C-alpha atoms as a PDB file:
ATOM      1  CA  MET A   1     -14.100  18.051  55.341  1.00  0.00           C
ATOM      2  CA  SER A   2     -16.739  18.392  52.209  1.00  0.00           C
ATOM      3  CA  GLU A   3     -15.489  21.674  51.727  1.00  0.00           C
ATOM      4  CA  HIS A   4     -12.134  20.530  51.427  1.00  0.00           C
ATOM      5  CA  LEU A   5     -13.280  17.720  49.031  1.00  0.00           C
ATOM      6  CA  ASP A   6     -15.178  20.290  46.822  1.00  0.00           C
ATOM      7  CA  LEU A   7     -12.588  22.949  46.457  1.00  0.00           C
ATOM      8  CA  ARG A   8     -10.207  19.923  45.388  1.00  0.00           C
ATOM      9  CA  ARG A   9     -12.447  18.915  42.790  1.00  0.00           C
ATOM     10  CA  VAL A  10     -13.076  22.323  41.421  1.00  0.00           C
ATOM     11  CA  LEU A  11      -9.073  22.725  40.962  1.00  0.00           C
ATOM     12  CA  ILE A  12      -8.931  19.379  39.119  1.00  0.00           C
ATOM     13  CA  VAL A  13     -11.384  20.514  36.942  1.00  0.00           C
ATOM     14  CA  LEU A  14      -9.701  23.795  36.187  1.00  0.00           C
ATOM     15  CA  LEU A  15      -6.210  22.128  35.734  1.00  0.00           C
ATOM     16  CA  GLY A  16      -7.934  19.951  33.351  1.00  0.00           C
ATOM     17  CA  ILE A  17      -9.295  22.707  31.322  1.00  0.00           C
ATOM     18  CA  LEU A  18      -6.371  24.823  31.272  1.00  0.00           C
ATOM     19  CA  LEU A  19      -4.296  21.759  30.158  1.00  0.00           C
ATOM     20  CA  HIS A  20      -6.642  20.405  27.458  1.00  0.00           C
ATOM     21  CA  SER A  21      -6.957  24.540  26.024  1.00  0.00           C
ATOM     22  CA  THR A  22      -3.000  24.413  25.828  1.00  0.00           C
ATOM     23  CA  ALA A  23      -3.092  21.275  24.236  1.00  0.00           C
ATOM     24  CA  LEU A  24      -5.671  22.420  21.658  1.00  0.00           C
ATOM     25  CA  ARG A  25      -3.239  25.691  20.673  1.00  0.00           C
ATOM     26  CA  ALA A  26      -0.157  24.219  20.300  1.00  0.00           C
ATOM     27  CA  ASP A  27       0.743  22.888  16.621  1.00  0.00           C
ATOM     28  CA  PRO A  28       1.666  19.459  17.004  1.00  0.00           C
ATOM     29  CA  LEU A  29       3.514  19.386  13.955  1.00  0.00           C
ATOM     30  CA  ASP A  30       5.773  22.240  14.405  1.00  0.00           C
ATOM     31  CA  GLY A  31       9.481  21.328  14.125  1.00  0.00           C
ATOM     32  CA  MET A  32       8.620  18.168  12.382  1.00  0.00           C
ATOM     33  CA  SER A  33       9.223  17.635   8.625  1.00  0.00           C
ATOM     34  CA  ASP A  34       7.316  15.078   6.216  1.00  0.00           C
ATOM     35  CA  PRO A  35       9.390  11.965   5.661  1.00  0.00           C
ATOM     36  CA  THR A  36       7.804  11.086   2.819  1.00  0.00           C
ATOM     37  CA  ARG A  37       8.781  13.968   0.623  1.00  0.00           C
ATOM     38  CA  PRO A  38      11.605  13.772  -1.707  1.00  0.00           C
ATOM     39  CA  LYS A  39      15.326  15.295  -0.868  1.00  0.00           C
ATOM     40  CA  GLY A  40      15.366  19.385  -1.576  1.00  0.00           C
ATOM     41  CA  TRP A  41      11.506  19.493  -1.678  1.00  0.00           C
ATOM     42  CA  ARG A  42       9.921  23.008  -1.178  1.00  0.00           C
ATOM     43  CA  ALA A  43       6.657  24.508  -0.959  1.00  0.00           C
ATOM     44  CA  PRO A  44       5.209  26.267  -4.041  1.00  0.00           C
ATOM     45  CA  VAL A  45       6.017  30.268  -4.089  1.00  0.00           C
ATOM     46  CA  HIS A  46       2.702  31.668  -3.876  1.00  0.00           C
ATOM     47  CA  ALA A  47       2.963  35.641  -4.588  1.00  0.00           C
ATOM     48  CA  SER A  48       1.517  37.796  -1.809  1.00  0.00           C
ATOM     49  CA  ALA A  49      -0.647  40.376  -1.639  1.00  0.00           C
ATOM     50  CA  GLY A  50       0.736  43.340  -4.634  1.00  0.00           C
ATOM     51  CA  GLN A  51       3.768  40.909  -5.810  1.00  0.00           C
ATOM     52  CA  GLN A  52       3.585  39.305  -8.847  1.00  0.00           C
ATOM     53  CA  VAL A  53       5.165  36.145  -9.461  1.00  0.00           C
ATOM     54  CA  ARG A  54       6.258  35.117 -12.652  1.00  0.00           C
ATOM     55  CA  PRO A  55       5.573  31.558 -14.394  1.00  0.00           C
ATOM     56  CA  ALA A  56       8.586  30.843 -14.937  1.00  0.00           C
ATOM     57  CA  ASP A  57      10.117  31.080 -11.262  1.00  0.00           C
ATOM     58  CA  ALA A  58       7.108  28.176 -10.344  1.00  0.00           C
ATOM     59  CA  LEU A  59       9.122  25.914 -13.007  1.00  0.00           C
ATOM     60  CA  ARG A  60      10.291  22.533 -11.303  1.00  0.00           C
ATOM     61  CA  LEU A  61      13.357  20.505 -12.482  1.00  0.00           C
ATOM     62  CA  GLN A  62      11.912  16.976 -12.700  1.00  0.00           C
ATOM     63  CA  GLY A  63      14.674  15.260 -14.560  1.00  0.00           C
ATOM     64  CA  ILE A  64      17.324  15.653 -16.713  1.00  0.00           C
ATOM     65  CA  PHE A  65      18.088  12.971 -19.709  1.00  0.00           C
ATOM     66  CA  SER A  66      20.490  12.164 -22.085  1.00  0.00           C
ATOM     67  CA  VAL A  67      19.618   9.738 -25.534  1.00  0.00           C
ATOM     68  CA  GLY A  68      22.824   9.608 -28.043  1.00  0.00           C
ATOM     69  CA  GLY A  69      24.686  12.519 -26.628  1.00  0.00           C
ATOM     70  CA  ARG A  70      21.352  15.156 -26.833  1.00  0.00           C
ATOM     71  CA  ARG A  71      20.286  16.190 -23.572  1.00  0.00           C
ATOM     72  CA  SER A  72      16.346  16.854 -22.461  1.00  0.00           C
ATOM     73  CA  ALA A  73      14.916  17.975 -19.271  1.00  0.00           C
ATOM     74  CA  MET A  74      11.478  17.742 -17.832  1.00  0.00           C
ATOM     75  CA  LEU A  75      10.395  21.390 -16.233  1.00  0.00           C
ATOM     76  CA  SER A  76       7.155  21.288 -14.405  1.00  0.00           C
ATOM     77  CA  GLY A  77       5.536  18.350 -16.811  1.00  0.00           C
ATOM     78  CA  GLN A  78       6.971  19.455 -20.206  1.00  0.00           C
ATOM     79  CA  ARG A  79       9.887  18.055 -21.929  1.00  0.00           C
ATOM     80  CA  VAL A  80      12.359  20.919 -23.454  1.00  0.00           C
ATOM     81  CA  ARG A  81      15.468  20.836 -25.167  1.00  0.00           C
ATOM     82  CA  VAL A  82      18.289  23.912 -25.782  1.00  0.00           C
ATOM     83  CA  GLY A  83      16.173  26.591 -27.239  1.00  0.00           C
ATOM     84  CA  ASP A  84      12.590  25.432 -26.260  1.00  0.00           C
ATOM     85  CA  ARG A  85      10.572  28.227 -24.500  1.00  0.00           C
ATOM     86  CA  VAL A  86       8.447  27.206 -21.233  1.00  0.00           C
ATOM     87  CA  ALA A  87       6.870  29.537 -19.015  1.00  0.00           C
ATOM     88  CA  GLY A  88       8.260  32.584 -20.435  1.00  0.00           C
ATOM     89  CA  ALA A  89      11.670  31.496 -20.116  1.00  0.00           C
ATOM     90  CA  GLN A  90      13.982  29.956 -22.657  1.00  0.00           C
ATOM     91  CA  VAL A  91      16.166  26.989 -22.192  1.00  0.00           C
ATOM     92  CA  ILE A  92      19.938  28.172 -22.706  1.00  0.00           C
ATOM     93  CA  GLY A  93      21.473  24.953 -21.323  1.00  0.00           C
ATOM     94  CA  ILE A  94      21.205  21.683 -20.124  1.00  0.00           C
ATOM     95  CA  ASP A  95      24.065  20.239 -18.235  1.00  0.00           C
ATOM     96  CA  LYS A  96      24.324  16.889 -16.470  1.00  0.00           C
ATOM     97  CA  ASN A  97      23.041  17.950 -13.401  1.00  0.00           C
ATOM     98  CA  LYS A  98      21.205  21.671 -14.014  1.00  0.00           C
ATOM     99  CA  VAL A  99      19.376  23.060 -16.563  1.00  0.00           C
ATOM    100  CA  ILE A 100      20.006  27.043 -17.511  1.00  0.00           C
ATOM    101  CA  LEU A 101      17.126  29.361 -18.232  1.00  0.00           C
ATOM    102  CA  ARG A 102      16.754  33.092 -19.533  1.00  0.00           C
ATOM    103  CA  VAL A 103      14.159  34.610 -18.136  1.00  0.00           C
ATOM    104  CA  ASP A 104      13.399  38.529 -18.630  1.00  0.00           C
ATOM    105  CA  GLY A 105      17.206  38.804 -19.891  1.00  0.00           C
ATOM    106  CA  GLU A 106      18.308  37.252 -16.574  1.00  0.00           C
ATOM    107  CA  THR A 107      19.878  33.986 -16.487  1.00  0.00           C
ATOM    108  CA  VAL A 108      18.525  31.443 -13.867  1.00  0.00           C
ATOM    109  CA  GLU A 109      20.005  27.630 -12.995  1.00  0.00           C
ATOM    110  CA  LEU A 110      17.686  25.100 -11.888  1.00  0.00           C
ATOM    111  CA  ALA A 111      20.060  22.349 -10.004  1.00  0.00           C
ATOM    112  CA  SER A 112      19.095  18.811  -9.699  1.00  0.00           C
ATOM    113  CA  VAL A 113      18.587  17.522  -6.120  1.00  0.00           C
ATOM    114  CA  LEU A 114      17.702  14.233  -7.602  1.00  0.00           C
ATOM    115  CA  PRO A 115      20.200  11.177  -7.200  1.00  0.00           C
ATOM    116  CA  GLU A 116      22.260  10.720 -10.132  1.00  0.00           C
ATOM    117  CA  VAL A 117      21.019   7.278 -12.121  1.00  0.00           C
ATOM    118  CA  LYS A 118      23.712   5.292 -13.466  1.00  0.00           C
ATOM    119  CA  SER A 119      23.460   3.156 -16.625  1.00  0.00           C
ATOM    120  CA  PRO A 120      23.376  -0.303 -16.423  1.00  0.00           C
ATOM    121  CA  ALA A 121      26.730  -2.164 -17.269  1.00  0.00           C
ATOM    122  CA  SER A 122      26.691  -3.861 -20.898  1.00  0.00           C
ATOM    123  CA  ASP A 123      27.137  -7.002 -20.985  1.00  0.00           C
ATOM    124  CA  LYS A 124      29.776  -7.036 -23.939  1.00  0.00           C
ATOM    125  CA  GLY A 125      32.278 -10.163 -23.610  1.00  0.00           C
ATOM    126  CA  ASP A 126      30.988 -11.171 -20.536  1.00  0.00           C
ATOM    127  CA  GLY A 127      30.701 -14.506 -21.318  1.00  0.00           C
ATOM    128  CA  ARG A 128      27.536 -14.996 -18.729  1.00  0.00           C
END
């Protein structure tokens, strides 16, 4: 009877070790997204061995502004207007939802994935 109990204990210990080692190898975050990341967020582009990334490829559109009919944009922390250069790219257009750049003779568009923010209504003639 004691041999039977010893064999049972050994099997339980081996099963526990097997389950534990399988759990350690599994990535608990596979297939899960981070709920705190903004919609449309992408990981930065990194060059693999032997591949070069142009500085303009790393530009991020952070916002588009319109003041008095003149548009500007925030690209990777730098405020730009049409005609400005940033990271080797020239800004050739700023629309309501995108910035158009010329990079090495190619036209590149950075589209906004940010929600459109409306201006507050004016209170002219409101009487309140």
